Amino acid sequence: MDNNVLKRSLKTGSQQSQSASSSSKGADMGKLVSEFLEAVTSVHKAHLKITGPGSYAAHTAMGAFYDEIGDLADSIAESYQGVTETLLNIPATPQASFTSAGDCVNFLNDLYQKVDAAQKACAYSEIINDLDNVKSLINGTKYKLIFLK
């Protein structure tokens, strides 16, 4: 094996900012990943507070959502960083707060729109496919929250 192995370093700081803005809205992808990670906590908190008619179905649906969205966020972040060879800037994101299944459906509708916008701005088919998995999770959760009482 040759000792002169080419070492490629990841871009950080100002290099990342320049590269991320030119490579498929990297800053937006970092923000979206942050929103997915915050959704884990937001939905988990709501899942613990939900009461009333249909609360068991909502509790179960929200539990399944927060169990899966964190792993999907991690996979998307790692794949994006791999394909762009750039570390994402994942900013702090305000946490949503809601107490009913209807509030959660509204939150999921908003998140779905953000995912859809990110897919339209993304140049990488594998990331678009990963984001489709998030949309499927959102849709399945909405179905359970709306129709399984």
Protein backbone atom coordinates (compact mmCIF):
# COMPACT_ATOMS: atom_id res chain seq x y z
CA MET A 1 0.00 0.00 0.00
CA ASP A 2 1.30 3.45 -0.93
CA ASN A 3 2.28 5.69 2.01
CA ASN A 4 1.31 8.78 0.06
CA VAL A 5 -2.41 8.47 0.72
CA LEU A 6 -4.39 11.51 -0.30
CA LYS A 7 -6.18 12.87 2.74
CA ARG A 8 -9.27 14.96 2.16
CA SER A 9 -10.42 17.13 5.02
CA LEU A 10 -13.97 18.17 5.69
CA LYS A 11 -14.84 21.78 5.11
CA THR A 12 -15.75 23.78 8.20
CA GLY A 13 -16.45 27.36 9.19
CA SER A 14 -16.44 29.87 6.35
CA GLN A 15 -15.63 27.15 3.81
CA GLN A 16 -18.78 25.35 4.89
CA SER A 17 -20.91 28.46 4.58
CA GLN A 18 -19.71 29.11 1.04
CA SER A 19 -19.99 25.49 -0.01
CA ALA A 20 -23.31 24.83 1.72
CA SER A 21 -25.05 27.76 0.07
CA SER A 22 -23.90 26.59 -3.33
CA SER A 23 -24.53 22.89 -2.73
CA SER A 24 -28.22 22.27 -2.46
CA LYS A 25 -29.08 24.70 0.29
CA GLY A 26 -26.90 23.12 2.98
CA ALA A 27 -27.95 25.71 5.54
CA ASP A 28 -31.59 24.85 4.92
CA MET A 29 -30.84 21.13 5.28
CA GLY A 30 -29.12 21.78 8.61
CA LYS A 31 -32.15 23.71 9.82
CA LEU A 32 -34.50 20.93 8.67
CA VAL A 33 -32.43 18.29 10.48
CA SER A 34 -32.59 20.48 13.58
CA GLU A 35 -36.37 20.66 13.26
CA PHE A 36 -36.57 16.87 13.02
CA LEU A 37 -34.48 16.52 16.17
CA GLU A 38 -36.60 19.08 18.02
CA ALA A 39 -39.72 17.22 16.88
CA VAL A 40 -38.52 14.22 18.91
CA THR A 41 -38.82 16.26 22.10
CA SER A 42 -41.90 18.27 21.14
CA VAL A 43 -43.94 15.25 20.12
CA HIS A 44 -42.65 13.23 23.07
CA LYS A 45 -43.83 15.90 25.51
CA ALA A 46 -47.24 16.08 23.84
CA HIS A 47 -47.45 12.27 23.85
CA LEU A 48 -47.07 12.31 27.63
CA LYS A 49 -49.80 14.94 28.13
CA ILE A 50 -52.49 13.73 25.73
CA THR A 51 -55.83 12.86 27.40
CA GLY A 52 -59.47 12.41 26.53
CA PRO A 53 -61.32 10.43 23.86
CA GLY A 54 -58.92 8.84 21.40
CA SER A 55 -55.94 9.61 23.61
CA TYR A 56 -54.57 6.05 23.56
CA ALA A 57 -54.45 6.01 19.75
CA ALA A 58 -52.85 9.48 19.75
CA HIS A 59 -50.40 8.44 22.48
CA THR A 60 -49.38 5.40 20.42
CA ALA A 61 -49.12 7.33 17.13
CA MET A 62 -47.01 10.08 18.68
CA GLY A 63 -44.80 7.48 20.37
CA ALA A 64 -44.09 5.77 17.06
CA PHE A 65 -43.34 9.14 15.44
CA TYR A 66 -40.78 10.31 17.99
CA ASP A 67 -39.18 6.86 18.04
CA GLU A 68 -38.49 7.04 14.28
CA ILE A 69 -37.91 10.71 13.39
CA GLY A 70 -34.61 10.99 15.29
CA ASP A 71 -33.06 8.07 13.43
CA LEU A 72 -34.29 9.47 10.11
CA ALA A 73 -32.78 12.87 10.98
CA ASP A 74 -29.45 11.24 11.81
CA SER A 75 -29.43 9.25 8.58
CA ILE A 76 -30.26 12.32 6.47
CA ALA A 77 -27.58 14.43 8.17
CA GLU A 78 -24.91 11.75 7.71
CA SER A 79 -25.87 11.08 4.09
CA TYR A 80 -25.95 14.79 3.25
CA GLN A 81 -22.58 15.38 4.87
CA GLY A 82 -21.18 12.40 2.99
CA VAL A 83 -22.47 13.42 -0.42
CA THR A 84 -21.44 17.07 -0.02
CA GLU A 85 -18.27 16.33 1.99
CA THR A 86 -19.33 19.23 4.18
CA LEU A 87 -20.42 19.29 7.80
CA LEU A 88 -23.91 20.69 8.27
CA ASN A 89 -24.50 23.63 10.54
CA ILE A 90 -27.38 22.42 12.71
CA PRO A 91 -28.74 25.50 14.51
CA ALA A 92 -30.93 25.62 17.58
CA THR A 93 -34.58 25.47 16.61
CA PRO A 94 -37.52 26.63 18.74
CA GLN A 95 -39.46 23.76 20.22
CA ALA A 96 -43.13 23.42 19.33
CA SER A 97 -45.66 23.01 22.09
CA PHE A 98 -49.07 21.41 21.71
CA THR A 99 -51.54 19.48 23.82
CA SER A 100 -53.99 17.85 21.41
CA ALA A 101 -53.93 15.44 18.50
CA GLY A 102 -55.23 18.27 16.29
CA ASP A 103 -52.30 20.48 17.30
CA CYS A 104 -49.94 17.63 16.43
CA VAL A 105 -51.59 17.20 13.01
CA ASN A 106 -51.08 20.93 12.36
CA PHE A 107 -47.44 20.63 13.43
CA LEU A 108 -46.97 17.63 11.12
CA ASN A 109 -48.62 19.47 8.19
CA ASP A 110 -46.15 22.32 8.67
CA LEU A 111 -43.23 19.91 8.90
CA TYR A 112 -44.42 18.13 5.74
CA GLN A 113 -44.37 21.43 3.83
CA LYS A 114 -40.80 22.09 4.97
CA VAL A 115 -39.72 18.62 3.85
CA ASP A 116 -41.43 19.13 0.50
CA ALA A 117 -39.63 22.47 0.01
CA ALA A 118 -36.29 20.88 0.93
CA GLN A 119 -36.82 18.13 -1.63
CA LYS A 120 -37.48 20.68 -4.36
CA ALA A 121 -34.24 22.49 -3.51
CA CYS A 122 -32.11 19.34 -3.21
CA ALA A 123 -29.94 18.06 -6.05
CA TYR A 124 -29.22 14.64 -4.53
CA SER A 125 -31.70 11.87 -5.33
CA GLU A 126 -30.63 9.77 -2.34
CA ILE A 127 -31.40 12.63 0.05
CA ILE A 128 -34.72 13.25 -1.70
CA ASN A 129 -35.54 9.56 -1.17
CA ASP A 130 -34.58 9.78 2.51
CA LEU A 131 -36.86 12.79 2.86
CA ASP A 132 -39.65 10.71 1.28
CA ASN A 133 -39.28 8.37 4.27
CA VAL A 134 -39.91 11.34 6.58
CA LYS A 135 -43.00 12.26 4.56
CA SER A 136 -44.26 8.67 4.83
CA LEU A 137 -43.75 8.77 8.60
CA ILE A 138 -45.62 12.07 8.80
CA ASN A 139 -48.48 10.77 6.66
CA GLY A 140 -48.81 7.55 8.64
CA THR A 141 -48.82 9.47 11.92
CA LYS A 142 -51.43 11.90 10.63
CA TYR A 143 -53.64 8.99 9.53
CA LYS A 144 -53.47 7.48 13.02
CA LEU A 145 -54.13 10.81 14.73
CA ILE A 146 -57.08 11.69 12.51
CA PHE A 147 -58.83 8.38 11.96
CA LEU A 148 -57.91 6.01 14.81
CA LYS A 149 -59.85 7.20 17.79
